[in-house]
Amino acid sequence: MFISNIMRLKTHFNCHIMIVHHTGKDRSKGARGHSSLRAALDTEIELKADGLVRIASVTKQRDMENGQKVAFTIEVVELGMDEDLEAVTSCVVSPTDVPSLTAKKQRLSGFNEVAHQALLDAVDKHGRRIGETEHYPSNRKVVEAIHWYPEFKLRRASDKTTSEAMRKSFNRARDWLQANDYVREYEDKIWFIYDPDRQDK
């Protein structure tokens, strides 16, 4: 019903409609709600912070190149004083350079590196290309999430740890890899990000 009414407004007013939405607690699962929400979008832009820098990344683009990023900072400016002689402030957006993905890759270590290597093997053994869909890249292999964790456990077979602790370390590494732009996930399917990241055909 929500999608239908948005389309009615778009048609009636002949306008662009931007919806501000949120991810759930598990960022790797993308935006909250039913997958039909994302399927109905022409463009999806993810906004996240990397220190003081904000990065807007195109995570879905129906008709043009996907994976583009714009970085910016928010600077506070004073507009004047109010009746109580307190400063009235607002913010301005200042463009800046996108943080280097190469620099991020140098920080791979510990369980994050183990999970990264495990995913490489999972993709090699079980990955496949999914064609004729706007949700997954057509130019690289996608793997089901169920194949990733066994490869991670295999690499930690000699560790003396509980299954719960191992699962927690895997989940933290999985979230870290997505948050740092190593991988993308959609409906429990995972693929590696390369530059440029073209998610659509």
C-alpha atoms as a PDB file:
ATOM      1  CA  MET A   1       0.000   0.000   0.000  1.00  0.00           C
ATOM      2  CA  PHE A   2       2.889   2.356   0.817  1.00  0.00           C
ATOM      3  CA  ILE A   3       4.573   1.779  -2.557  1.00  0.00           C
ATOM      4  CA  SER A   4       1.278   2.116  -4.406  1.00  0.00           C
ATOM      5  CA  ASN A   5       0.500   5.471  -2.773  1.00  0.00           C
ATOM      6  CA  ILE A   6       4.016   6.787  -3.413  1.00  0.00           C
ATOM      7  CA  MET A   7       3.591   5.942  -7.112  1.00  0.00           C
ATOM      8  CA  ARG A   8       0.214   7.696  -7.177  1.00  0.00           C
ATOM      9  CA  LEU A   9       1.771  10.856  -5.726  1.00  0.00           C
ATOM     10  CA  LYS A  10       4.650  10.674  -8.187  1.00  0.00           C
ATOM     11  CA  THR A  11       2.279  10.338 -11.145  1.00  0.00           C
ATOM     12  CA  HIS A  12      -0.187  12.973  -9.972  1.00  0.00           C
ATOM     13  CA  PHE A  13       2.398  15.684  -9.273  1.00  0.00           C
ATOM     14  CA  ASN A  14       4.949  14.556 -11.894  1.00  0.00           C
ATOM     15  CA  CYS A  15       7.665  14.811  -9.264  1.00  0.00           C
ATOM     16  CA  HIS A  16      10.616  13.046  -7.716  1.00  0.00           C
ATOM     17  CA  ILE A  17      10.006  11.526  -4.275  1.00  0.00           C
ATOM     18  CA  MET A  18      12.844  10.933  -1.840  1.00  0.00           C
ATOM     19  CA  ILE A  19      12.226   8.592   1.078  1.00  0.00           C
ATOM     20  CA  VAL A  20      14.475   8.741   4.141  1.00  0.00           C
ATOM     21  CA  HIS A  21      14.793   5.275   5.623  1.00  0.00           C
ATOM     22  CA  HIS A  22      16.959   3.402   8.094  1.00  0.00           C
ATOM     23  CA  THR A  23      18.812   0.126   8.292  1.00  0.00           C
ATOM     24  CA  GLY A  24      18.018  -2.265  11.089  1.00  0.00           C
ATOM     25  CA  LYS A  25      20.367  -3.147  13.937  1.00  0.00           C
ATOM     26  CA  ASP A  26      22.050  -5.591  11.549  1.00  0.00           C
ATOM     27  CA  ARG A  27      23.333  -3.213   8.880  1.00  0.00           C
ATOM     28  CA  SER A  28      24.341  -6.111   6.641  1.00  0.00           C
ATOM     29  CA  LYS A  29      20.654  -6.828   5.965  1.00  0.00           C
ATOM     30  CA  GLY A  30      20.116  -3.399   4.445  1.00  0.00           C
ATOM     31  CA  ALA A  31      17.032  -1.235   4.898  1.00  0.00           C
ATOM     32  CA  ARG A  32      14.252  -2.272   7.218  1.00  0.00           C
ATOM     33  CA  GLY A  33      11.065  -3.732   5.835  1.00  0.00           C
ATOM     34  CA  HIS A  34      10.076  -5.978   2.954  1.00  0.00           C
ATOM     35  CA  SER A  35      12.419  -6.474   0.000  1.00  0.00           C
ATOM     36  CA  SER A  36       9.724  -5.044  -2.299  1.00  0.00           C
ATOM     37  CA  LEU A  37      10.613  -1.584  -0.966  1.00  0.00           C
ATOM     38  CA  ARG A  38      14.088  -1.745  -2.484  1.00  0.00           C
ATOM     39  CA  ALA A  39      12.806  -3.402  -5.648  1.00  0.00           C
ATOM     40  CA  ALA A  40      10.517  -0.413  -6.282  1.00  0.00           C
ATOM     41  CA  LEU A  41      13.317   2.158  -6.017  1.00  0.00           C
ATOM     42  CA  ASP A  42      15.066   3.733  -8.987  1.00  0.00           C
ATOM     43  CA  THR A  43      17.969   4.917  -6.856  1.00  0.00           C
ATOM     44  CA  GLU A  44      19.193   3.982  -3.405  1.00  0.00           C
ATOM     45  CA  ILE A  45      21.861   6.065  -1.649  1.00  0.00           C
ATOM     46  CA  GLU A  46      23.435   4.876   1.580  1.00  0.00           C
ATOM     47  CA  LEU A  47      24.792   7.521   3.932  1.00  0.00           C
ATOM     48  CA  LYS A  48      27.379   6.620   6.549  1.00  0.00           C
ATOM     49  CA  ALA A  49      30.067   8.310   8.617  1.00  0.00           C
ATOM     50  CA  ASP A  50      33.792   7.582   8.512  1.00  0.00           C
ATOM     51  CA  GLY A  51      35.089   9.679  11.371  1.00  0.00           C
ATOM     52  CA  LEU A  52      34.224  13.292  10.561  1.00  0.00           C
ATOM     53  CA  VAL A  53      33.641  12.477   6.891  1.00  0.00           C
ATOM     54  CA  ARG A  54      30.190  11.495   5.616  1.00  0.00           C
ATOM     55  CA  ILE A  55      30.023   9.264   2.549  1.00  0.00           C
ATOM     56  CA  ALA A  56      27.032   8.985   0.239  1.00  0.00           C
ATOM     57  CA  SER A  57      27.249   5.771  -1.807  1.00  0.00           C
ATOM     58  CA  VAL A  58      24.941   4.760  -4.645  1.00  0.00           C
ATOM     59  CA  THR A  59      23.977   1.191  -3.714  1.00  0.00           C
ATOM     60  CA  LYS A  60      21.306   0.857  -6.395  1.00  0.00           C
ATOM     61  CA  GLN A  61      20.859   2.712  -9.670  1.00  0.00           C
ATOM     62  CA  ARG A  62      18.391   1.403 -12.197  1.00  0.00           C
ATOM     63  CA  ASP A  63      19.558   3.214 -15.338  1.00  0.00           C
ATOM     64  CA  MET A  64      23.075   4.542 -14.750  1.00  0.00           C
ATOM     65  CA  GLU A  65      26.407   3.480 -13.281  1.00  0.00           C
ATOM     66  CA  ASN A  66      26.252   2.167  -9.755  1.00  0.00           C
ATOM     67  CA  GLY A  67      28.800   2.390  -6.951  1.00  0.00           C
ATOM     68  CA  GLN A  68      29.548   6.120  -7.187  1.00  0.00           C
ATOM     69  CA  LYS A  69      30.544   7.861  -3.927  1.00  0.00           C
ATOM     70  CA  VAL A  70      30.532  11.440  -2.727  1.00  0.00           C
ATOM     71  CA  ALA A  71      32.254  12.494   0.493  1.00  0.00           C
ATOM     72  CA  PHE A  72      31.601  15.620   2.519  1.00  0.00           C
ATOM     73  CA  THR A  73      31.939  17.171   5.959  1.00  0.00           C
ATOM     74  CA  ILE A  74      29.442  19.188   7.976  1.00  0.00           C
ATOM     75  CA  GLU A  75      30.640  22.569   9.243  1.00  0.00           C
ATOM     76  CA  VAL A  76      28.786  24.627  11.818  1.00  0.00           C
ATOM     77  CA  VAL A  77      28.295  28.314  10.958  1.00  0.00           C
ATOM     78  CA  GLU A  78      26.850  31.151  13.033  1.00  0.00           C
ATOM     79  CA  LEU A  79      23.921  33.043  11.530  1.00  0.00           C
ATOM     80  CA  GLY A  80      23.576  35.662  14.245  1.00  0.00           C
ATOM     81  CA  MET A  81      22.120  36.051  17.733  1.00  0.00           C
ATOM     82  CA  ASP A  82      18.654  35.329  19.046  1.00  0.00           C
ATOM     83  CA  GLU A  83      16.653  37.467  21.486  1.00  0.00           C
ATOM     84  CA  ASP A  84      18.507  35.879  24.404  1.00  0.00           C
ATOM     85  CA  LEU A  85      21.846  36.821  22.800  1.00  0.00           C
ATOM     86  CA  GLU A  86      22.654  33.196  22.125  1.00  0.00           C
ATOM     87  CA  ALA A  87      24.278  32.180  18.862  1.00  0.00           C
ATOM     88  CA  VAL A  88      21.972  30.873  16.132  1.00  0.00           C
ATOM     89  CA  THR A  89      23.777  28.208  14.151  1.00  0.00           C
ATOM     90  CA  SER A  90      23.246  26.045  11.114  1.00  0.00           C
ATOM     91  CA  CYS A  91      25.366  23.673   9.021  1.00  0.00           C
ATOM     92  CA  VAL A  92      26.942  23.818   5.593  1.00  0.00           C
ATOM     93  CA  VAL A  93      28.130  20.903   3.504  1.00  0.00           C
ATOM     94  CA  SER A  94      31.748  20.990   2.329  1.00  0.00           C
ATOM     95  CA  PRO A  95      32.946  18.473  -0.282  1.00  0.00           C
ATOM     96  CA  THR A  96      36.021  16.418   0.519  1.00  0.00           C
ATOM     97  CA  ASP A  97      37.904  13.407  -0.836  1.00  0.00           C
ATOM     98  CA  VAL A  98      36.454   9.930  -0.456  1.00  0.00           C
ATOM     99  CA  PRO A  99      38.600   7.957   2.036  1.00  0.00           C
ATOM    100  CA  SER A 100      40.858   5.550   0.196  1.00  0.00           C
ATOM    101  CA  LEU A 101      39.549   1.998   0.004  1.00  0.00           C
ATOM    102  CA  THR A 102      43.163   0.874  -0.378  1.00  0.00           C
ATOM    103  CA  ALA A 103      43.945   2.293   3.012  1.00  0.00           C
ATOM    104  CA  LYS A 104      41.042   0.383   4.501  1.00  0.00           C
ATOM    105  CA  LYS A 105      42.279  -2.888   3.029  1.00  0.00           C
ATOM    106  CA  GLN A 106      45.583  -2.458   4.850  1.00  0.00           C
ATOM    107  CA  ARG A 107      43.688  -2.665   8.128  1.00  0.00           C
ATOM    108  CA  LEU A 108      42.545  -6.253   7.558  1.00  0.00           C
ATOM    109  CA  SER A 109      43.720  -8.278  10.533  1.00  0.00           C
ATOM    110  CA  GLY A 110      42.623 -10.803  13.131  1.00  0.00           C
ATOM    111  CA  PHE A 111      39.187 -12.352  12.716  1.00  0.00           C
ATOM    112  CA  ASN A 112      38.320  -9.806  10.003  1.00  0.00           C
ATOM    113  CA  GLU A 113      41.104 -11.229   7.863  1.00  0.00           C
ATOM    114  CA  VAL A 114      40.081 -14.803   8.687  1.00  0.00           C
ATOM    115  CA  ALA A 115      36.495 -14.052   7.640  1.00  0.00           C
ATOM    116  CA  HIS A 116      37.710 -12.350   4.458  1.00  0.00           C
ATOM    117  CA  GLN A 117      39.779 -15.386   3.469  1.00  0.00           C
ATOM    118  CA  ALA A 118      36.919 -17.708   4.374  1.00  0.00           C
ATOM    119  CA  LEU A 119      34.587 -15.785   2.086  1.00  0.00           C
ATOM    120  CA  LEU A 120      37.096 -15.984  -0.762  1.00  0.00           C
ATOM    121  CA  ASP A 121      37.001 -19.787  -0.502  1.00  0.00           C
ATOM    122  CA  ALA A 122      33.215 -19.874  -0.124  1.00  0.00           C
ATOM    123  CA  VAL A 123      32.810 -17.787  -3.285  1.00  0.00           C
ATOM    124  CA  ASP A 124      35.327 -19.970  -5.116  1.00  0.00           C
ATOM    125  CA  LYS A 125      33.522 -23.192  -4.141  1.00  0.00           C
ATOM    126  CA  HIS A 126      29.887 -22.143  -4.166  1.00  0.00           C
ATOM    127  CA  GLY A 127      29.630 -18.736  -5.839  1.00  0.00           C
ATOM    128  CA  ARG A 128      27.526 -18.142  -8.927  1.00  0.00           C
ATOM    129  CA  ARG A 129      26.470 -15.251 -11.089  1.00  0.00           C
ATOM    130  CA  ILE A 130      22.838 -14.221 -10.852  1.00  0.00           C
ATOM    131  CA  GLY A 131      21.566 -12.710 -14.069  1.00  0.00           C
ATOM    132  CA  GLU A 132      18.437 -10.756 -14.911  1.00  0.00           C
ATOM    133  CA  THR A 133      18.061  -9.096 -11.513  1.00  0.00           C
ATOM    134  CA  GLU A 134      18.633  -5.603 -10.203  1.00  0.00           C
ATOM    135  CA  HIS A 135      19.615  -6.735  -6.712  1.00  0.00           C
ATOM    136  CA  TYR A 136      22.908  -8.480  -7.472  1.00  0.00           C
ATOM    137  CA  PRO A 137      25.934  -7.696  -9.658  1.00  0.00           C
ATOM    138  CA  SER A 138      25.889  -9.484 -12.983  1.00  0.00           C
ATOM    139  CA  ASN A 139      29.669  -9.313 -13.380  1.00  0.00           C
ATOM    140  CA  ARG A 140      30.787 -11.217 -10.263  1.00  0.00           C
ATOM    141  CA  LYS A 141      29.945 -14.255  -8.195  1.00  0.00           C
ATOM    142  CA  VAL A 142      27.464 -14.165  -5.332  1.00  0.00           C
ATOM    143  CA  VAL A 143      27.465 -16.765  -2.560  1.00  0.00           C
ATOM    144  CA  GLU A 144      24.823 -17.858  -0.059  1.00  0.00           C
ATOM    145  CA  ALA A 145      25.652 -16.846   3.518  1.00  0.00           C
ATOM    146  CA  ILE A 146      25.249 -20.451   4.732  1.00  0.00           C
ATOM    147  CA  HIS A 147      28.481 -21.363   2.907  1.00  0.00           C
ATOM    148  CA  TRP A 148      30.545 -18.642   4.605  1.00  0.00           C
ATOM    149  CA  TYR A 149      30.437 -19.611   8.270  1.00  0.00           C
ATOM    150  CA  PRO A 150      31.638 -23.230   7.760  1.00  0.00           C
ATOM    151  CA  GLU A 151      34.747 -21.910   6.007  1.00  0.00           C
ATOM    152  CA  PHE A 152      35.338 -19.525   8.918  1.00  0.00           C
ATOM    153  CA  LYS A 153      35.004 -22.370  11.457  1.00  0.00           C
ATOM    154  CA  LEU A 154      37.396 -24.495   9.408  1.00  0.00           C
ATOM    155  CA  ARG A 155      40.096 -21.844   9.775  1.00  0.00           C
ATOM    156  CA  ARG A 156      39.567 -21.709  13.525  1.00  0.00           C
ATOM    157  CA  ALA A 157      39.379 -25.451  14.074  1.00  0.00           C
ATOM    158  CA  SER A 158      42.438 -25.398  16.328  1.00  0.00           C
ATOM    159  CA  ASP A 159      41.075 -22.565  18.500  1.00  0.00           C
ATOM    160  CA  LYS A 160      39.881 -23.609  21.932  1.00  0.00           C
ATOM    161  CA  THR A 161      36.678 -21.603  22.059  1.00  0.00           C
ATOM    162  CA  THR A 162      32.961 -22.186  22.459  1.00  0.00           C
ATOM    163  CA  SER A 163      30.631 -22.315  19.496  1.00  0.00           C
ATOM    164  CA  GLU A 164      28.862 -19.220  20.806  1.00  0.00           C
ATOM    165  CA  ALA A 165      32.113 -17.238  21.014  1.00  0.00           C
ATOM    166  CA  MET A 166      33.070 -18.358  17.523  1.00  0.00           C
ATOM    167  CA  ARG A 167      29.714 -17.323  16.119  1.00  0.00           C
ATOM    168  CA  LYS A 168      30.000 -13.901  17.786  1.00  0.00           C
ATOM    169  CA  SER A 169      33.488 -13.333  16.372  1.00  0.00           C
ATOM    170  CA  PHE A 170      32.208 -14.291  12.918  1.00  0.00           C
ATOM    171  CA  ASN A 171      29.215 -11.950  13.150  1.00  0.00           C
ATOM    172  CA  ARG A 172      31.435  -9.056  14.231  1.00  0.00           C
ATOM    173  CA  ALA A 173      33.831  -9.722  11.346  1.00  0.00           C
ATOM    174  CA  ARG A 174      30.924 -10.018   8.904  1.00  0.00           C
ATOM    175  CA  ASP A 175      29.545  -6.639   9.996  1.00  0.00           C
ATOM    176  CA  TRP A 176      33.024  -5.056   9.868  1.00  0.00           C
ATOM    177  CA  LEU A 177      33.681  -6.221   6.303  1.00  0.00           C
ATOM    178  CA  GLN A 178      30.437  -4.686   5.111  1.00  0.00           C
ATOM    179  CA  ALA A 179      30.857  -1.476   7.107  1.00  0.00           C
ATOM    180  CA  ASN A 180      34.338  -1.023   5.611  1.00  0.00           C
ATOM    181  CA  ASP A 181      33.227  -1.664   2.024  1.00  0.00           C
ATOM    182  CA  TYR A 182      34.785  -5.067   1.440  1.00  0.00           C
ATOM    183  CA  VAL A 183      31.503  -6.858   0.810  1.00  0.00           C
ATOM    184  CA  ARG A 184      27.848  -6.234   0.099  1.00  0.00           C
ATOM    185  CA  GLU A 185      24.896  -8.349   1.232  1.00  0.00           C
ATOM    186  CA  TYR A 186      21.310  -8.660   0.163  1.00  0.00           C
ATOM    187  CA  GLU A 187      18.883 -11.297   1.450  1.00  0.00           C
ATOM    188  CA  ASP A 188      21.710 -13.467   2.850  1.00  0.00           C
ATOM    189  CA  LYS A 189      23.704 -13.438  -0.360  1.00  0.00           C
ATOM    190  CA  ILE A 190      27.177 -11.886  -0.304  1.00  0.00           C
ATOM    191  CA  TRP A 191      29.622 -10.578  -2.894  1.00  0.00           C
ATOM    192  CA  PHE A 192      32.916  -8.712  -2.850  1.00  0.00           C
ATOM    193  CA  ILE A 193      33.094  -5.026  -3.721  1.00  0.00           C
ATOM    194  CA  TYR A 194      35.560  -3.957  -6.347  1.00  0.00           C
ATOM    195  CA  ASP A 195      36.037  -0.482  -7.825  1.00  0.00           C
ATOM    196  CA  PRO A 196      33.826   0.500  -9.468  1.00  0.00           C
ATOM    197  CA  ASP A 197      31.058  -1.482  -7.773  1.00  0.00           C
ATOM    198  CA  ARG A 198      28.410  -2.120 -10.397  1.00  0.00           C
ATOM    199  CA  GLN A 199      25.480  -3.759  -8.720  1.00  0.00           C
ATOM    200  CA  ASP A 200      23.131  -3.453 -11.666  1.00  0.00           C
ATOM    201  CA  LYS A 201      23.493  -4.828 -15.184  1.00  0.00           C
END
